[in-house]
Amino acid sequence: MAKNQDFKQMIDEIKFHHKLLQVDVAKALDVQPTYLSDMINGRVPVTEKVMDKVQSIWGDNTYKINNSGNNNVIASAVLGSPINQGQDEVQTLKNRIKELEELVVELRSDKQFLQKLLEKN
């Protein structure tokens, strides 16, 4: 059952970080929403095919697959740490703000130059 708990956590994080509904994830994985729900809740095993599809769609996810004694696929999925992702997003926003502030300074300078030109004419 631990494999399905890991899968559930992975799907929950994908839904959160990509702002998707579970039905959207199911469509992207080309499975029925009820089948995805069954995998998440441990009623059916998580298949390697589904895990491969997850990897191909959400490549920033990493996972490893092991076969257990009863031929079930054990999938352990880990997204990048949500805390680190949040910090990266904050840094990206700070960088963008800095770029915009520099652009504002440049535009003000251009405006002053153009105003001086107009005053001369």
PDB file of N, CA and C in Angstrom:
ATOM      1  N   MET A   1       0.804  -1.216   0.000  1.00  0.00           N
ATOM      2  CA  MET A   1       0.000   0.000   0.000  1.00  0.00           C
ATOM      3  C   MET A   1       0.845   1.278   0.000  1.00  0.00           C
ATOM      4  N   ALA A   2       2.071   1.176   0.493  1.00  0.00           N
ATOM      5  CA  ALA A   2       2.909   2.374   0.539  1.00  0.00           C
ATOM      6  C   ALA A   2       3.102   2.957  -0.859  1.00  0.00           C
ATOM      7  N   LYS A   3       3.184   2.085  -1.863  1.00  0.00           N
ATOM      8  CA  LYS A   3       3.376   2.572  -3.222  1.00  0.00           C
ATOM      9  C   LYS A   3       2.233   3.477  -3.648  1.00  0.00           C
ATOM     10  N   ASN A   4       1.019   3.112  -3.283  1.00  0.00           N
ATOM     11  CA  ASN A   4      -0.125   3.921  -3.668  1.00  0.00           C
ATOM     12  C   ASN A   4      -0.169   5.230  -2.887  1.00  0.00           C
ATOM     13  N   GLN A   5       0.307   5.206  -1.644  1.00  0.00           N
ATOM     14  CA  GLN A   5       0.378   6.444  -0.869  1.00  0.00           C
ATOM     15  C   GLN A   5       1.372   7.402  -1.514  1.00  0.00           C
ATOM     16  N   ASP A   6       2.512   6.873  -1.985  1.00  0.00           N
ATOM     17  CA  ASP A   6       3.490   7.701  -2.682  1.00  0.00           C
ATOM     18  C   ASP A   6       2.894   8.255  -3.976  1.00  0.00           C
ATOM     19  N   PHE A   7       2.179   7.409  -4.701  1.00  0.00           N
ATOM     20  CA  PHE A   7       1.537   7.826  -5.939  1.00  0.00           C
ATOM     21  C   PHE A   7       0.492   8.899  -5.656  1.00  0.00           C
ATOM     22  N   LYS A   8      -0.282   8.695  -4.599  1.00  0.00           N
ATOM     23  CA  LYS A   8      -1.293   9.686  -4.205  1.00  0.00           C
ATOM     24  C   LYS A   8      -0.635  11.024  -3.910  1.00  0.00           C
ATOM     25  N   GLN A   9       0.468  10.994  -3.164  1.00  0.00           N
ATOM     26  CA  GLN A   9       1.173  12.234  -2.831  1.00  0.00           C
ATOM     27  C   GLN A   9       1.679  12.913  -4.102  1.00  0.00           C
ATOM     28  N   MET A  10       2.232  12.114  -5.019  1.00  0.00           N
ATOM     29  CA  MET A  10       2.743  12.669  -6.266  1.00  0.00           C
ATOM     30  C   MET A  10       1.620  13.329  -7.063  1.00  0.00           C
ATOM     31  N   ILE A  11       0.502  12.643  -7.206  1.00  0.00           N
ATOM     32  CA  ILE A  11      -0.629  13.201  -7.957  1.00  0.00           C
ATOM     33  C   ILE A  11      -1.154  14.457  -7.271  1.00  0.00           C
ATOM     34  N   ASP A  12      -1.232  14.430  -5.948  1.00  0.00           N
ATOM     35  CA  ASP A  12      -1.678  15.620  -5.210  1.00  0.00           C
ATOM     36  C   ASP A  12      -0.749  16.808  -5.473  1.00  0.00           C
ATOM     37  N   GLU A  13       0.563  16.558  -5.484  1.00  0.00           N
ATOM     38  CA  GLU A  13       1.516  17.639  -5.727  1.00  0.00           C
ATOM     39  C   GLU A  13       1.442  18.131  -7.170  1.00  0.00           C
ATOM     40  N   ILE A  14       1.245  17.225  -8.110  1.00  0.00           N
ATOM     41  CA  ILE A  14       1.071  17.632  -9.507  1.00  0.00           C
ATOM     42  C   ILE A  14      -0.168  18.508  -9.638  1.00  0.00           C
ATOM     43  N   LYS A  15      -1.255  18.075  -9.028  1.00  0.00           N
ATOM     44  CA  LYS A  15      -2.497  18.858  -9.091  1.00  0.00           C
ATOM     45  C   LYS A  15      -2.278  20.240  -8.482  1.00  0.00           C
ATOM     46  N   PHE A  16      -1.579  20.297  -7.364  1.00  0.00           N
ATOM     47  CA  PHE A  16      -1.360  21.570  -6.679  1.00  0.00           C
ATOM     48  C   PHE A  16      -0.456  22.487  -7.503  1.00  0.00           C
ATOM     49  N   HIS A  17       0.689  21.969  -7.912  1.00  0.00           N
ATOM     50  CA  HIS A  17       1.684  22.808  -8.582  1.00  0.00           C
ATOM     51  C   HIS A  17       1.283  23.210  -9.993  1.00  0.00           C
ATOM     52  N   HIS A  18       0.455  22.394 -10.641  1.00  0.00           N
ATOM     53  CA  HIS A  18       0.029  22.702 -12.005  1.00  0.00           C
ATOM     54  C   HIS A  18      -1.420  23.181 -12.059  1.00  0.00           C
ATOM     55  N   LYS A  19      -2.023  23.341 -10.866  1.00  0.00           N
ATOM     56  CA  LYS A  19      -3.404  23.832 -10.755  1.00  0.00           C
ATOM     57  C   LYS A  19      -4.361  23.025 -11.628  1.00  0.00           C
ATOM     58  N   LEU A  20      -4.321  21.702 -11.427  1.00  0.00           N
ATOM     59  CA  LEU A  20      -5.156  20.792 -12.194  1.00  0.00           C
ATOM     60  C   LEU A  20      -6.165  20.090 -11.291  1.00  0.00           C
ATOM     61  N   LEU A  21      -7.251  19.671 -11.893  1.00  0.00           N
ATOM     62  CA  LEU A  21      -8.194  18.797 -11.210  1.00  0.00           C
ATOM     63  C   LEU A  21      -7.777  17.355 -11.482  1.00  0.00           C
ATOM     64  N   GLN A  22      -8.236  16.444 -10.652  1.00  0.00           N
ATOM     65  CA  GLN A  22      -7.880  15.044 -10.848  1.00  0.00           C
ATOM     66  C   GLN A  22      -8.361  14.541 -12.207  1.00  0.00           C
ATOM     67  N   VAL A  23      -9.496  15.013 -12.662  1.00  0.00           N
ATOM     68  CA  VAL A  23     -10.003  14.611 -13.971  1.00  0.00           C
ATOM     69  C   VAL A  23      -9.062  15.085 -15.074  1.00  0.00           C
ATOM     70  N   ASP A  24      -8.426  16.258 -14.898  1.00  0.00           N
ATOM     71  CA  ASP A  24      -7.459  16.758 -15.879  1.00  0.00           C
ATOM     72  C   ASP A  24      -6.215  15.871 -15.915  1.00  0.00           C
ATOM     73  N   VAL A  25      -5.770  15.428 -14.744  1.00  0.00           N
ATOM     74  CA  VAL A  25      -4.616  14.534 -14.672  1.00  0.00           C
ATOM     75  C   VAL A  25      -4.948  13.224 -15.369  1.00  0.00           C
ATOM     76  N   ALA A  26      -6.144  12.705 -15.120  1.00  0.00           N
ATOM     77  CA  ALA A  26      -6.565  11.452 -15.757  1.00  0.00           C
ATOM     78  C   ALA A  26      -6.583  11.594 -17.281  1.00  0.00           C
ATOM     79  N   LYS A  27      -7.112  12.704 -17.773  1.00  0.00           N
ATOM     80  CA  LYS A  27      -7.138  12.932 -19.219  1.00  0.00           C
ATOM     81  C   LYS A  27      -5.724  12.985 -19.779  1.00  0.00           C
ATOM     82  N   ALA A  28      -4.838  13.699 -19.088  1.00  0.00           N
ATOM     83  CA  ALA A  28      -3.456  13.806 -19.556  1.00  0.00           C
ATOM     84  C   ALA A  28      -2.774  12.443 -19.584  1.00  0.00           C
ATOM     85  N   LEU A  29      -3.112  11.591 -18.612  1.00  0.00           N
ATOM     86  CA  LEU A  29      -2.518  10.257 -18.541  1.00  0.00           C
ATOM     87  C   LEU A  29      -3.233   9.259 -19.444  1.00  0.00           C
ATOM     88  N   ASP A  30      -4.318   9.710 -20.058  1.00  0.00           N
ATOM     89  CA  ASP A  30      -5.111   8.872 -20.954  1.00  0.00           C
ATOM     90  C   ASP A  30      -5.685   7.658 -20.224  1.00  0.00           C
ATOM     91  N   VAL A  31      -6.196   7.912 -19.018  1.00  0.00           N
ATOM     92  CA  VAL A  31      -6.888   6.875 -18.246  1.00  0.00           C
ATOM     93  C   VAL A  31      -8.224   7.446 -17.775  1.00  0.00           C
ATOM     94  N   GLN A  32      -9.116   6.568 -17.425  1.00  0.00           N
ATOM     95  CA  GLN A  32     -10.401   6.997 -16.886  1.00  0.00           C
ATOM     96  C   GLN A  32     -10.182   7.592 -15.494  1.00  0.00           C
ATOM     97  N   PRO A  33     -10.930   8.635 -15.152  1.00  0.00           N
ATOM     98  CA  PRO A  33     -10.793   9.217 -13.808  1.00  0.00           C
ATOM     99  C   PRO A  33     -11.016   8.190 -12.691  1.00  0.00           C
ATOM    100  N   THR A  34     -11.929   7.246 -12.922  1.00  0.00           N
ATOM    101  CA  THR A  34     -12.180   6.229 -11.891  1.00  0.00           C
ATOM    102  C   THR A  34     -10.981   5.300 -11.730  1.00  0.00           C
ATOM    103  N   TYR A  35     -10.281   5.011 -12.835  1.00  0.00           N
ATOM    104  CA  TYR A  35      -9.096   4.156 -12.771  1.00  0.00           C
ATOM    105  C   TYR A  35      -7.965   4.880 -12.033  1.00  0.00           C
ATOM    106  N   LEU A  36      -7.795   6.168 -12.317  1.00  0.00           N
ATOM    107  CA  LEU A  36      -6.794   6.950 -11.590  1.00  0.00           C
ATOM    108  C   LEU A  36      -7.126   6.971 -10.103  1.00  0.00           C
ATOM    109  N   SER A  37      -8.387   7.155  -9.793  1.00  0.00           N
ATOM    110  CA  SER A  37      -8.814   7.131  -8.393  1.00  0.00           C
ATOM    111  C   SER A  37      -8.529   5.782  -7.749  1.00  0.00           C
ATOM    112  N   ASP A  38      -8.772   4.703  -8.496  1.00  0.00           N
ATOM    113  CA  ASP A  38      -8.488   3.368  -7.968  1.00  0.00           C
ATOM    114  C   ASP A  38      -7.001   3.188  -7.683  1.00  0.00           C
ATOM    115  N   MET A  39      -6.138   3.716  -8.562  1.00  0.00           N
ATOM    116  CA  MET A  39      -4.691   3.625  -8.315  1.00  0.00           C
ATOM    117  C   MET A  39      -4.302   4.455  -7.090  1.00  0.00           C
ATOM    118  N   ILE A  40      -4.836   5.654  -7.014  1.00  0.00           N
ATOM    119  CA  ILE A  40      -4.511   6.542  -5.899  1.00  0.00           C
ATOM    120  C   ILE A  40      -4.924   5.926  -4.570  1.00  0.00           C
ATOM    121  N   ASN A  41      -6.064   5.260  -4.564  1.00  0.00           N
ATOM    122  CA  ASN A  41      -6.609   4.713  -3.320  1.00  0.00           C
ATOM    123  C   ASN A  41      -6.257   3.252  -3.074  1.00  0.00           C
ATOM    124  N   GLY A  42      -5.359   2.714  -3.894  1.00  0.00           N
ATOM    125  CA  GLY A  42      -4.842   1.375  -3.637  1.00  0.00           C
ATOM    126  C   GLY A  42      -5.743   0.227  -4.048  1.00  0.00           C
ATOM    127  N   ARG A  43      -6.775   0.498  -4.828  1.00  0.00           N
ATOM    128  CA  ARG A  43      -7.668  -0.581  -5.249  1.00  0.00           C
ATOM    129  C   ARG A  43      -7.093  -1.362  -6.430  1.00  0.00           C
ATOM    130  N   VAL A  44      -6.202  -0.707  -7.192  1.00  0.00           N
ATOM    131  CA  VAL A  44      -5.462  -1.376  -8.263  1.00  0.00           C
ATOM    132  C   VAL A  44      -4.010  -0.913  -8.171  1.00  0.00           C
ATOM    133  N   PRO A  45      -3.069  -1.742  -8.626  1.00  0.00           N
ATOM    134  CA  PRO A  45      -1.662  -1.335  -8.546  1.00  0.00           C
ATOM    135  C   PRO A  45      -1.336  -0.209  -9.522  1.00  0.00           C
ATOM    136  N   VAL A  46      -0.359   0.590  -9.166  1.00  0.00           N
ATOM    137  CA  VAL A  46       0.145   1.629 -10.055  1.00  0.00           C
ATOM    138  C   VAL A  46       0.993   0.930 -11.111  1.00  0.00           C
ATOM    139  N   THR A  47       0.696   1.197 -12.370  1.00  0.00           N
ATOM    140  CA  THR A  47       1.404   0.502 -13.439  1.00  0.00           C
ATOM    141  C   THR A  47       2.622   1.287 -13.911  1.00  0.00           C
ATOM    142  N   GLU A  48       3.552   0.551 -14.473  1.00  0.00           N
ATOM    143  CA  GLU A  48       4.753   1.190 -15.018  1.00  0.00           C
ATOM    144  C   GLU A  48       4.378   2.109 -16.184  1.00  0.00           C
ATOM    145  N   LYS A  49       3.384   1.710 -16.967  1.00  0.00           N
ATOM    146  CA  LYS A  49       2.934   2.523 -18.099  1.00  0.00           C
ATOM    147  C   LYS A  49       2.446   3.895 -17.625  1.00  0.00           C
ATOM    148  N   VAL A  50       1.674   3.906 -16.548  1.00  0.00           N
ATOM    149  CA  VAL A  50       1.176   5.170 -16.009  1.00  0.00           C
ATOM    150  C   VAL A  50       2.336   6.005 -15.480  1.00  0.00           C
ATOM    151  N   MET A  51       3.271   5.361 -14.781  1.00  0.00           N
ATOM    152  CA  MET A  51       4.413   6.099 -14.251  1.00  0.00           C
ATOM    153  C   MET A  51       5.270   6.672 -15.379  1.00  0.00           C
ATOM    154  N   ASP A  52       5.430   5.919 -16.460  1.00  0.00           N
ATOM    155  CA  ASP A  52       6.171   6.429 -17.611  1.00  0.00           C
ATOM    156  C   ASP A  52       5.472   7.650 -18.207  1.00  0.00           C
ATOM    157  N   LYS A  53       4.163   7.585 -18.265  1.00  0.00           N
ATOM    158  CA  LYS A  53       3.379   8.703 -18.810  1.00  0.00           C
ATOM    159  C   LYS A  53       3.522   9.928 -17.902  1.00  0.00           C
ATOM    160  N   VAL A  54       3.497   9.708 -16.589  1.00  0.00           N
ATOM    161  CA  VAL A  54       3.700  10.810 -15.642  1.00  0.00           C
ATOM    162  C   VAL A  54       5.052  11.463 -15.911  1.00  0.00           C
ATOM    163  N   GLN A  55       6.080  10.640 -16.076  1.00  0.00           N
ATOM    164  CA  GLN A  55       7.427  11.152 -16.320  1.00  0.00           C
ATOM    165  C   GLN A  55       7.495  11.933 -17.624  1.00  0.00           C
ATOM    166  N   SER A  56       6.824  11.436 -18.660  1.00  0.00           N
ATOM    167  CA  SER A  56       6.898  12.122 -19.950  1.00  0.00           C
ATOM    168  C   SER A  56       6.138  13.448 -19.942  1.00  0.00           C
ATOM    169  N   ILE A  57       5.081  13.542 -19.155  1.00  0.00           N
ATOM    170  CA  ILE A  57       4.282  14.768 -19.111  1.00  0.00           C
ATOM    171  C   ILE A  57       4.865  15.774 -18.136  1.00  0.00           C
ATOM    172  N   TRP A  58       5.171  15.310 -16.941  1.00  0.00           N
ATOM    173  CA  TRP A  58       5.688  16.191 -15.892  1.00  0.00           C
ATOM    174  C   TRP A  58       7.136  15.795 -15.620  1.00  0.00           C
ATOM    175  N   GLY A  59       8.009  16.101 -16.566  1.00  0.00           N
ATOM    176  CA  GLY A  59       9.395  15.670 -16.518  1.00  0.00           C
ATOM    177  C   GLY A  59      10.167  16.129 -15.302  1.00  0.00           C
ATOM    178  N   ASP A  60       9.671  17.160 -14.578  1.00  0.00           N
ATOM    179  CA  ASP A  60      10.380  17.605 -13.389  1.00  0.00           C
ATOM    180  C   ASP A  60      10.139  16.655 -12.224  1.00  0.00           C
ATOM    181  N   ASN A  61       9.318  15.651 -12.444  1.00  0.00           N
ATOM    182  CA  ASN A  61       9.086  14.626 -11.421  1.00  0.00           C
ATOM    183  C   ASN A  61      10.116  13.534 -11.597  1.00  0.00           C
ATOM    184  N   THR A  62      10.593  13.009 -10.509  1.00  0.00           N
ATOM    185  CA  THR A  62      11.493  11.874 -10.608  1.00  0.00           C
ATOM    186  C   THR A  62      10.875  10.729  -9.846  1.00  0.00           C
ATOM    187  N   TYR A  63      11.121   9.546 -10.316  1.00  0.00           N
ATOM    188  CA  TYR A  63      10.583   8.391  -9.624  1.00  0.00           C
ATOM    189  C   TYR A  63      11.445   7.183  -9.938  1.00  0.00           C
ATOM    190  N   LYS A  64      11.322   6.184  -9.102  1.00  0.00           N
ATOM    191  CA  LYS A  64      11.994   4.921  -9.394  1.00  0.00           C
ATOM    192  C   LYS A  64      10.962   3.814  -9.252  1.00  0.00           C
ATOM    193  N   ILE A  65      11.100   2.816 -10.060  1.00  0.00           N
ATOM    194  CA  ILE A  65      10.138   1.719 -10.066  1.00  0.00           C
ATOM    195  C   ILE A  65      10.863   0.433  -9.729  1.00  0.00           C
ATOM    196  N   ASN A  66      10.289  -0.308  -8.795  1.00  0.00           N
ATOM    197  CA  ASN A  66      10.824  -1.612  -8.414  1.00  0.00           C
ATOM    198  C   ASN A  66       9.698  -2.626  -8.508  1.00  0.00           C
ATOM    199  N   ASN A  67      10.009  -3.850  -8.868  1.00  0.00           N
ATOM    200  CA  ASN A  67       9.010  -4.912  -8.867  1.00  0.00           C
ATOM    201  C   ASN A  67       9.046  -5.600  -7.515  1.00  0.00           C
ATOM    202  N   SER A  68       7.886  -5.789  -6.935  1.00  0.00           N
ATOM    203  CA  SER A  68       7.810  -6.487  -5.655  1.00  0.00           C
ATOM    204  C   SER A  68       7.586  -7.975  -5.927  1.00  0.00           C
ATOM    205  N   GLY A  69       7.607  -8.762  -4.878  1.00  0.00           N
ATOM    206  CA  GLY A  69       7.443 -10.205  -5.030  1.00  0.00           C
ATOM    207  C   GLY A  69       6.138 -10.598  -5.666  1.00  0.00           C
ATOM    208  N   ASN A  70       5.096  -9.806  -5.510  1.00  0.00           N
ATOM    209  CA  ASN A  70       3.802 -10.173  -6.080  1.00  0.00           C
ATOM    210  C   ASN A  70       3.546  -9.471  -7.420  1.00  0.00           C
ATOM    211  N   ASN A  71       4.630  -9.050  -8.088  1.00  0.00           N
ATOM    212  CA  ASN A  71       4.581  -8.426  -9.412  1.00  0.00           C
ATOM    213  C   ASN A  71       3.853  -7.093  -9.453  1.00  0.00           C
ATOM    214  N   ASN A  72       3.592  -6.508  -8.300  1.00  0.00           N
ATOM    215  CA  ASN A  72       3.044  -5.155  -8.294  1.00  0.00           C
ATOM    216  C   ASN A  72       4.174  -4.177  -8.567  1.00  0.00           C
ATOM    217  N   VAL A  73       3.840  -3.062  -9.142  1.00  0.00           N
ATOM    218  CA  VAL A  73       4.839  -2.025  -9.369  1.00  0.00           C
ATOM    219  C   VAL A  73       4.831  -1.111  -8.158  1.00  0.00           C
ATOM    220  N   ILE A  74       6.007  -0.911  -7.577  1.00  0.00           N
ATOM    221  CA  ILE A  74       6.125   0.022  -6.452  1.00  0.00           C
ATOM    222  C   ILE A  74       6.685   1.307  -7.018  1.00  0.00           C
ATOM    223  N   ALA A  75       5.956   2.359  -6.889  1.00  0.00           N
ATOM    224  CA  ALA A  75       6.391   3.637  -7.438  1.00  0.00           C
ATOM    225  C   ALA A  75       6.610   4.615  -6.299  1.00  0.00           C
ATOM    226  N   SER A  76       7.776   5.132  -6.236  1.00  0.00           N
ATOM    227  CA  SER A  76       8.080   6.157  -5.247  1.00  0.00           C
ATOM    228  C   SER A  76       8.334   7.440  -6.000  1.00  0.00           C
ATOM    229  N   ALA A  77       7.457   8.399  -5.867  1.00  0.00           N
ATOM    230  CA  ALA A  77       7.571   9.621  -6.648  1.00  0.00           C
ATOM    231  C   ALA A  77       7.873  10.791  -5.743  1.00  0.00           C
ATOM    232  N   VAL A  78       8.786  11.626  -6.183  1.00  0.00           N
ATOM    233  CA  VAL A  78       9.158  12.790  -5.389  1.00  0.00           C
ATOM    234  C   VAL A  78       9.252  13.990  -6.312  1.00  0.00           C
ATOM    235  N   LEU A  79       8.428  14.975  -6.053  1.00  0.00           N
ATOM    236  CA  LEU A  79       8.585  16.238  -6.760  1.00  0.00           C
ATOM    237  C   LEU A  79       9.678  17.004  -6.048  1.00  0.00           C
ATOM    238  N   GLY A  80      10.203  18.018  -6.687  1.00  0.00           N
ATOM    239  CA  GLY A  80      11.138  18.883  -5.987  1.00  0.00           C
ATOM    240  C   GLY A  80      10.460  19.404  -4.734  1.00  0.00           C
ATOM    241  N   SER A  81      11.221  19.649  -3.730  1.00  0.00           N
ATOM    242  CA  SER A  81      10.667  20.110  -2.463  1.00  0.00           C
ATOM    243  C   SER A  81       9.769  21.318  -2.688  1.00  0.00           C
ATOM    244  N   PRO A  82       8.529  21.277  -2.200  1.00  0.00           N
ATOM    245  CA  PRO A  82       7.652  22.434  -2.368  1.00  0.00           C
ATOM    246  C   PRO A  82       8.260  23.705  -1.780  1.00  0.00           C
ATOM    247  N   ILE A  83       9.024  23.556  -0.701  1.00  0.00           N
ATOM    248  CA  ILE A  83       9.659  24.725  -0.099  1.00  0.00           C
ATOM    249  C   ILE A  83      10.686  25.297  -1.067  1.00  0.00           C
ATOM    250  N   ASN A  84      11.520  24.424  -1.652  1.00  0.00           N
ATOM    251  CA  ASN A  84      12.516  24.898  -2.605  1.00  0.00           C
ATOM    252  C   ASN A  84      11.858  25.483  -3.839  1.00  0.00           C
ATOM    253  N   GLN A  85      10.779  24.857  -4.303  1.00  0.00           N
ATOM    254  CA  GLN A  85      10.083  25.399  -5.462  1.00  0.00           C
ATOM    255  C   GLN A  85       9.544  26.776  -5.136  1.00  0.00           C
ATOM    256  N   GLY A  86       9.001  26.944  -3.941  1.00  0.00           N
ATOM    257  CA  GLY A  86       8.484  28.247  -3.528  1.00  0.00           C
ATOM    258  C   GLY A  86       9.582  29.278  -3.472  1.00  0.00           C
ATOM    259  N   GLN A  87      10.750  28.888  -2.957  1.00  0.00           N
ATOM    260  CA  GLN A  87      11.876  29.816  -2.891  1.00  0.00           C
ATOM    261  C   GLN A  87      12.346  30.185  -4.290  1.00  0.00           C
ATOM    262  N   ASP A  88      12.374  29.207  -5.192  1.00  0.00           N
ATOM    263  CA  ASP A  88      12.764  29.483  -6.573  1.00  0.00           C
ATOM    264  C   ASP A  88      11.791  30.455  -7.223  1.00  0.00           C
ATOM    265  N   GLU A  89      10.507  30.252  -6.981  1.00  0.00           N
ATOM    266  CA  GLU A  89       9.495  31.136  -7.554  1.00  0.00           C
ATOM    267  C   GLU A  89       9.637  32.541  -7.001  1.00  0.00           C
ATOM    268  N   VAL A  90       9.912  32.657  -5.701  1.00  0.00           N
ATOM    269  CA  VAL A  90      10.097  33.966  -5.078  1.00  0.00           C
ATOM    270  C   VAL A  90      11.304  34.662  -5.693  1.00  0.00           C
ATOM    271  N   GLN A  91      12.405  33.918  -5.851  1.00  0.00           N
ATOM    272  CA  GLN A  91      13.613  34.507  -6.447  1.00  0.00           C
ATOM    273  C   GLN A  91      13.356  34.941  -7.882  1.00  0.00           C
ATOM    274  N   THR A  92      12.621  34.136  -8.625  1.00  0.00           N
ATOM    275  CA  THR A  92      12.280  34.498 -10.005  1.00  0.00           C
ATOM    276  C   THR A  92      11.477  35.797 -10.025  1.00  0.00           C
ATOM    277  N   LEU A  93      10.518  35.912  -9.123  1.00  0.00           N
ATOM    278  CA  LEU A  93       9.716  37.139  -9.053  1.00  0.00           C
ATOM    279  C   LEU A  93      10.569  38.335  -8.652  1.00  0.00           C
ATOM    280  N   LYS A  94      11.472  38.152  -7.702  1.00  0.00           N
ATOM    281  CA  LYS A  94      12.358  39.246  -7.292  1.00  0.00           C
ATOM    282  C   LYS A  94      13.222  39.701  -8.460  1.00  0.00           C
ATOM    283  N   ASN A  95      13.744  38.724  -9.216  1.00  0.00           N
ATOM    284  CA  ASN A  95      14.559  39.067 -10.382  1.00  0.00           C
ATOM    285  C   ASN A  95      13.745  39.842 -11.412  1.00  0.00           C
ATOM    286  N   ARG A  96      12.517  39.418 -11.626  1.00  0.00           N
ATOM    287  CA  ARG A  96      11.649  40.102 -12.603  1.00  0.00           C
ATOM    288  C   ARG A  96      11.331  41.520 -12.141  1.00  0.00           C
ATOM    289  N   ILE A  97      11.093  41.696 -10.846  1.00  0.00           N
ATOM    290  CA  ILE A  97      10.822  43.034 -10.301  1.00  0.00           C
ATOM    291  C   ILE A  97      12.027  43.934 -10.517  1.00  0.00           C
ATOM    292  N   LYS A  98      13.217  43.392 -10.270  1.00  0.00           N
ATOM    293  CA  LYS A  98      14.434  44.180 -10.472  1.00  0.00           C
ATOM    294  C   LYS A  98      14.566  44.598 -11.929  1.00  0.00           C
ATOM    295  N   GLU A  99      14.300  43.678 -12.862  1.00  0.00           N
ATOM    296  CA  GLU A  99      14.358  43.999 -14.286  1.00  0.00           C
ATOM    297  C   GLU A  99      13.367  45.115 -14.635  1.00  0.00           C
ATOM    298  N   LEU A 100      12.162  45.027 -14.085  1.00  0.00           N
ATOM    299  CA  LEU A 100      11.146  46.032 -14.377  1.00  0.00           C
ATOM    300  C   LEU A 100      11.513  47.390 -13.793  1.00  0.00           C
ATOM    301  N   GLU A 101      12.101  47.375 -12.594  1.00  0.00           N
ATOM    302  CA  GLU A 101      12.536  48.637 -11.989  1.00  0.00           C
ATOM    303  C   GLU A 101      13.609  49.301 -12.847  1.00  0.00           C
ATOM    304  N   GLU A 102      14.539  48.497 -13.374  1.00  0.00           N
ATOM    305  CA  GLU A 102      15.582  49.038 -14.249  1.00  0.00           C
ATOM    306  C   GLU A 102      14.970  49.594 -15.532  1.00  0.00           C
ATOM    307  N   LEU A 103      13.961  48.932 -16.043  1.00  0.00           N
ATOM    308  CA  LEU A 103      13.280  49.407 -17.241  1.00  0.00           C
ATOM    309  C   LEU A 103      12.569  50.734 -16.972  1.00  0.00           C
ATOM    310  N   VAL A 104      11.964  50.856 -15.812  1.00  0.00           N
ATOM    311  CA  VAL A 104      11.286  52.104 -15.446  1.00  0.00           C
ATOM    312  C   VAL A 104      12.288  53.253 -15.397  1.00  0.00           C
ATOM    313  N   VAL A 105      13.451  53.018 -14.801  1.00  0.00           N
ATOM    314  CA  VAL A 105      14.490  54.051 -14.739  1.00  0.00           C
ATOM    315  C   VAL A 105      14.906  54.463 -16.144  1.00  0.00           C
ATOM    316  N   GLU A 106      15.096  53.483 -17.015  1.00  0.00           N
ATOM    317  CA  GLU A 106      15.492  53.761 -18.396  1.00  0.00           C
ATOM    318  C   GLU A 106      14.412  54.555 -19.124  1.00  0.00           C
ATOM    319  N   LEU A 107      13.154  54.177 -18.919  1.00  0.00           N
ATOM    320  CA  LEU A 107      12.058  54.888 -19.580  1.00  0.00           C
ATOM    321  C   LEU A 107      11.932  56.324 -19.077  1.00  0.00           C
ATOM    322  N   ARG A 108      12.153  56.515 -17.783  1.00  0.00           N
ATOM    323  CA  ARG A 108      12.100  57.884 -17.235  1.00  0.00           C
ATOM    324  C   ARG A 108      13.194  58.746 -17.856  1.00  0.00           C
ATOM    325  N   SER A 109      14.365  58.150 -18.009  1.00  0.00           N
ATOM    326  CA  SER A 109      15.476  58.876 -18.625  1.00  0.00           C
ATOM    327  C   SER A 109      15.134  59.239 -20.063  1.00  0.00           C
ATOM    328  N   ASP A 110      14.574  58.289 -20.797  1.00  0.00           N
ATOM    329  CA  ASP A 110      14.158  58.554 -22.173  1.00  0.00           C
ATOM    330  C   ASP A 110      13.093  59.643 -22.225  1.00  0.00           C
ATOM    331  N   LYS A 111      12.178  59.610 -21.290  1.00  0.00           N
ATOM    332  CA  LYS A 111      11.103  60.607 -21.243  1.00  0.00           C
ATOM    333  C   LYS A 111      11.689  62.003 -21.021  1.00  0.00           C
ATOM    334  N   GLN A 112      12.619  62.109 -20.090  1.00  0.00           N
ATOM    335  CA  GLN A 112      13.244  63.406 -19.820  1.00  0.00           C
ATOM    336  C   GLN A 112      13.982  63.924 -21.045  1.00  0.00           C
ATOM    337  N   PHE A 113      14.694  63.019 -21.717  1.00  0.00           N
ATOM    338  CA  PHE A 113      15.415  63.402 -22.927  1.00  0.00           C
ATOM    339  C   PHE A 113      14.459  63.920 -23.985  1.00  0.00           C
ATOM    340  N   LEU A 114      13.366  63.212 -24.189  1.00  0.00           N
ATOM    341  CA  LEU A 114      12.391  63.625 -25.206  1.00  0.00           C
ATOM    342  C   LEU A 114      11.714  64.953 -24.838  1.00  0.00           C
ATOM    343  N   GLN A 115      11.461  65.140 -23.553  1.00  0.00           N
ATOM    344  CA  GLN A 115      10.857  66.397 -23.119  1.00  0.00           C
ATOM    345  C   GLN A 115      11.791  67.565 -23.400  1.00  0.00           C
ATOM    346  N   LYS A 116      13.082  67.377 -23.164  1.00  0.00           N
ATOM    347  CA  LYS A 116      14.065  68.416 -23.426  1.00  0.00           C
ATOM    348  C   LYS A 116      14.119  68.721 -24.914  1.00  0.00           C
ATOM    349  N   LEU A 117      14.055  67.687 -25.736  1.00  0.00           N
ATOM    350  CA  LEU A 117      14.033  67.899 -27.171  1.00  0.00           C
ATOM    351  C   LEU A 117      12.819  68.724 -27.612  1.00  0.00           C
ATOM    352  N   LEU A 118      11.679  68.399 -27.016  1.00  0.00           N
ATOM    353  CA  LEU A 118      10.451  69.138 -27.358  1.00  0.00           C
ATOM    354  C   LEU A 118      10.533  70.584 -26.912  1.00  0.00           C
ATOM    355  N   GLU A 119      11.142  70.843 -25.791  1.00  0.00           N
ATOM    356  CA  GLU A 119      11.262  72.208 -25.278  1.00  0.00           C
ATOM    357  C   GLU A 119      12.156  73.063 -26.187  1.00  0.00           C
ATOM    358  N   LYS A 120      13.142  72.436 -26.799  1.00  0.00           N
ATOM    359  CA  LYS A 120      14.039  73.164 -27.700  1.00  0.00           C
ATOM    360  C   LYS A 120      13.341  73.547 -28.980  1.00  0.00           C
ATOM    361  N   ASN A 121      12.353  72.786 -29.379  1.00  0.00           N
ATOM    362  CA  ASN A 121      11.638  73.071 -30.631  1.00  0.00           C
ATOM    363  C   ASN A 121      10.467  73.911 -30.356  1.00  0.00           C
TER     364      ASN A 121
END
